[in-house]
PDB file of N, CA and C in Angstrom:
ATOM      1  N   MET A   1      -0.536   0.360  19.892  1.00  0.00           N
ATOM      2  CA  MET A   1      -1.200  -1.256  19.453  1.00  0.00           C
ATOM      3  C   MET A   1      -0.874  -0.956  18.278  1.00  0.00           C
ATOM      4  N   PRO A   2       0.219  -2.422  18.205  1.00  0.00           N
ATOM      5  CA  PRO A   2       0.620  -2.423  16.657  1.00  0.00           C
ATOM      6  C   PRO A   2      -0.082  -3.084  15.970  1.00  0.00           C
ATOM      7  N   PRO A   3      -0.141  -2.915  14.252  1.00  0.00           N
ATOM      8  CA  PRO A   3      -0.927  -3.274  13.645  1.00  0.00           C
ATOM      9  C   PRO A   3      -0.880  -5.129  13.704  1.00  0.00           C
ATOM     10  N   LYS A   4      -2.228  -5.724  13.397  1.00  0.00           N
ATOM     11  CA  LYS A   4      -2.098  -7.036  13.291  1.00  0.00           C
ATOM     12  C   LYS A   4      -1.746  -7.529  11.919  1.00  0.00           C
ATOM     13  N   GLU A   5      -1.180  -8.854  11.907  1.00  0.00           N
ATOM     14  CA  GLU A   5      -0.814  -9.179  10.583  1.00  0.00           C
ATOM     15  C   GLU A   5      -2.090  -9.181   9.168  1.00  0.00           C
ATOM     16  N   ASN A   6      -3.130  -9.568   9.647  1.00  0.00           N
ATOM     17  CA  ASN A   6      -4.032  -9.270   8.558  1.00  0.00           C
ATOM     18  C   ASN A   6      -4.304  -8.005   8.041  1.00  0.00           C
ATOM     19  N   GLU A   7      -4.006  -7.058   9.128  1.00  0.00           N
ATOM     20  CA  GLU A   7      -4.183  -5.412   8.513  1.00  0.00           C
ATOM     21  C   GLU A   7      -2.971  -5.213   7.853  1.00  0.00           C
ATOM     22  N   ILE A   8      -1.770  -5.375   7.739  1.00  0.00           N
ATOM     23  CA  ILE A   8      -0.794  -5.430   7.255  1.00  0.00           C
ATOM     24  C   ILE A   8      -0.619  -5.994   5.847  1.00  0.00           C
ATOM     25  N   GLY A   9      -1.428  -7.281   5.532  1.00  0.00           N
ATOM     26  CA  GLY A   9      -1.479  -8.010   4.638  1.00  0.00           C
ATOM     27  C   GLY A   9      -2.539  -7.121   3.741  1.00  0.00           C
ATOM     28  N   ASN A  10      -3.289  -6.238   3.959  1.00  0.00           N
ATOM     29  CA  ASN A  10      -4.662  -5.677   3.795  1.00  0.00           C
ATOM     30  C   ASN A  10      -4.265  -4.456   2.937  1.00  0.00           C
ATOM     31  N   VAL A  11      -3.168  -3.844   3.744  1.00  0.00           N
ATOM     32  CA  VAL A  11      -2.742  -2.775   3.216  1.00  0.00           C
ATOM     33  C   VAL A  11      -1.549  -3.105   1.844  1.00  0.00           C
ATOM     34  N   LEU A  12      -0.656  -4.125   2.330  1.00  0.00           N
ATOM     35  CA  LEU A  12      -0.024  -4.617   1.030  1.00  0.00           C
ATOM     36  C   LEU A  12      -0.651  -4.942  -0.304  1.00  0.00           C
ATOM     37  N   ASN A  13      -1.405  -5.751   0.046  1.00  0.00           N
ATOM     38  CA  ASN A  13      -2.826  -6.038  -1.051  1.00  0.00           C
ATOM     39  C   ASN A  13      -3.235  -4.949  -1.927  1.00  0.00           C
ATOM     40  N   GLU A  14      -3.800  -3.914  -1.165  1.00  0.00           N
ATOM     41  CA  GLU A  14      -4.161  -2.588  -1.364  1.00  0.00           C
ATOM     42  C   GLU A  14      -3.278  -1.780  -2.439  1.00  0.00           C
ATOM     43  N   CYS A  15      -2.105  -1.588  -1.971  1.00  0.00           N
ATOM     44  CA  CYS A  15      -0.708  -1.193  -2.942  1.00  0.00           C
ATOM     45  C   CYS A  15      -0.577  -1.631  -3.811  1.00  0.00           C
ATOM     46  N   SER A  16      -0.414  -3.146  -3.724  1.00  0.00           N
ATOM     47  CA  SER A  16       0.100  -3.863  -4.781  1.00  0.00           C
ATOM     48  C   SER A  16      -1.048  -3.634  -6.036  1.00  0.00           C
ATOM     49  N   GLU A  17      -2.248  -3.663  -5.915  1.00  0.00           N
ATOM     50  CA  GLU A  17      -3.703  -3.742  -6.664  1.00  0.00           C
ATOM     51  C   GLU A  17      -3.335  -2.196  -7.373  1.00  0.00           C
ATOM     52  N   ARG A  18      -3.310  -1.419  -6.611  1.00  0.00           N
ATOM     53  CA  ARG A  18      -3.110   0.192  -7.150  1.00  0.00           C
ATOM     54  C   ARG A  18      -1.909   0.538  -7.813  1.00  0.00           C
ATOM     55  N   GLU A  19      -0.802  -0.268  -7.680  1.00  0.00           N
ATOM     56  CA  GLU A  19       0.530  -0.088  -8.396  1.00  0.00           C
ATOM     57  C   GLU A  19      -0.173  -0.634  -9.788  1.00  0.00           C
ATOM     58  N   GLU A  20      -0.842  -2.107  -9.524  1.00  0.00           N
ATOM     59  CA  GLU A  20      -0.925  -2.869 -11.152  1.00  0.00           C
ATOM     60  C   GLU A  20      -1.620  -1.892 -12.031  1.00  0.00           C
ATOM     61  N   LEU A  21      -2.400  -1.328 -11.202  1.00  0.00           N
ATOM     62  CA  LEU A  21      -3.687  -0.168 -12.122  1.00  0.00           C
ATOM     63  C   LEU A  21      -3.146   1.055 -12.624  1.00  0.00           C
ATOM     64  N   GLY A  22      -1.721   1.123 -11.740  1.00  0.00           N
ATOM     65  CA  GLY A  22      -1.307   2.825 -12.128  1.00  0.00           C
ATOM     66  C   GLY A  22      -2.204   3.731 -11.578  1.00  0.00           C
ATOM     67  N   GLU A  23      -3.128   3.654 -10.545  1.00  0.00           N
ATOM     68  CA  GLU A  23      -3.444   4.779 -10.014  1.00  0.00           C
ATOM     69  C   GLU A  23      -3.189   4.994  -8.351  1.00  0.00           C
ATOM     70  N   SER A  24      -3.495   5.807  -7.723  1.00  0.00           N
ATOM     71  CA  SER A  24      -3.142   6.006  -6.498  1.00  0.00           C
ATOM     72  C   SER A  24      -4.064   6.835  -5.956  1.00  0.00           C
ATOM     73  N   LYS A  25      -4.572   6.534  -4.562  1.00  0.00           N
ATOM     74  CA  LYS A  25      -5.377   7.222  -3.497  1.00  0.00           C
ATOM     75  C   LYS A  25      -4.970   8.859  -3.532  1.00  0.00           C
ATOM     76  N   TYR A  26      -3.778   9.177  -3.738  1.00  0.00           N
ATOM     77  CA  TYR A  26      -3.223  10.028  -3.702  1.00  0.00           C
ATOM     78  C   TYR A  26      -2.745  10.514  -5.163  1.00  0.00           C
ATOM     79  N   PRO A  27      -3.431  11.109  -5.776  1.00  0.00           N
ATOM     80  CA  PRO A  27      -2.844  11.756  -7.359  1.00  0.00           C
ATOM     81  C   PRO A  27      -1.456  12.697  -7.190  1.00  0.00           C
ATOM     82  N   GLY A  28      -0.688  12.273  -8.358  1.00  0.00           N
ATOM     83  CA  GLY A  28       0.259  13.161  -8.473  1.00  0.00           C
ATOM     84  C   GLY A  28       1.937  12.033  -7.630  1.00  0.00           C
ATOM     85  N   MET A  29       1.388  11.238  -6.866  1.00  0.00           N
ATOM     86  CA  MET A  29       2.467  10.262  -6.343  1.00  0.00           C
ATOM     87  C   MET A  29       2.165   9.523  -6.089  1.00  0.00           C
ATOM     88  N   MET A  30       3.071   7.991  -6.077  1.00  0.00           N
ATOM     89  CA  MET A  30       2.557   6.894  -5.731  1.00  0.00           C
ATOM     90  C   MET A  30       2.609   6.670  -4.411  1.00  0.00           C
ATOM     91  N   TYR A  31       1.996   7.124  -3.644  1.00  0.00           N
ATOM     92  CA  TYR A  31       1.770   6.733  -1.865  1.00  0.00           C
ATOM     93  C   TYR A  31       2.012   5.283  -1.742  1.00  0.00           C
ATOM     94  N   GLU A  32       1.414   4.393  -2.216  1.00  0.00           N
ATOM     95  CA  GLU A  32       1.162   2.908  -2.601  1.00  0.00           C
ATOM     96  C   GLU A  32       2.585   2.172  -2.380  1.00  0.00           C
ATOM     97  N   GLU A  33       3.145   2.688  -3.132  1.00  0.00           N
ATOM     98  CA  GLU A  33       4.803   2.139  -3.500  1.00  0.00           C
ATOM     99  C   GLU A  33       5.550   2.703  -2.240  1.00  0.00           C
ATOM    100  N   GLY A  34       5.483   4.100  -1.682  1.00  0.00           N
ATOM    101  CA  GLY A  34       6.223   4.054  -0.379  1.00  0.00           C
ATOM    102  C   GLY A  34       5.666   3.697   0.775  1.00  0.00           C
ATOM    103  N   VAL A  35       4.795   3.097   1.069  1.00  0.00           N
ATOM    104  CA  VAL A  35       3.992   2.452   2.034  1.00  0.00           C
ATOM    105  C   VAL A  35       4.451   0.775   1.878  1.00  0.00           C
ATOM    106  N   LYS A  36       4.207   0.297   0.928  1.00  0.00           N
ATOM    107  CA  LYS A  36       4.756  -0.841   0.559  1.00  0.00           C
ATOM    108  C   LYS A  36       6.329  -1.076   0.890  1.00  0.00           C
ATOM    109  N   ASN A  37       7.082  -0.181   0.713  1.00  0.00           N
ATOM    110  CA  ASN A  37       8.571  -0.223   0.826  1.00  0.00           C
ATOM    111  C   ASN A  37       8.960  -0.293   2.406  1.00  0.00           C
ATOM    112  N   ALA A  38       8.115   0.790   2.968  1.00  0.00           N
ATOM    113  CA  ALA A  38       8.106   1.039   4.235  1.00  0.00           C
ATOM    114  C   ALA A  38       7.966  -0.270   5.195  1.00  0.00           C
ATOM    115  N   ILE A  39       7.148  -1.275   5.047  1.00  0.00           N
ATOM    116  CA  ILE A  39       6.687  -2.195   5.530  1.00  0.00           C
ATOM    117  C   ILE A  39       7.375  -3.399   5.412  1.00  0.00           C
ATOM    118  N   LEU A  40       7.913  -3.340   3.926  1.00  0.00           N
ATOM    119  CA  LEU A  40       8.811  -4.282   3.891  1.00  0.00           C
ATOM    120  C   LEU A  40      10.326  -4.114   4.365  1.00  0.00           C
TER     121      LEU A  40
END
C-alpha cells in the first residue's frame, strides 16, 4: 500500500527540521537529506 500524502508530508517535515538543526537520526550521515531527495 503506497504512503498517504500526509505521511509523506510528515517525513519531509521531519527531514527539513533535522537538516536545519544539523542533526540526524543516523549519526555520521545525513540520511534525512537522502530521503528528502528521493521523495522529491
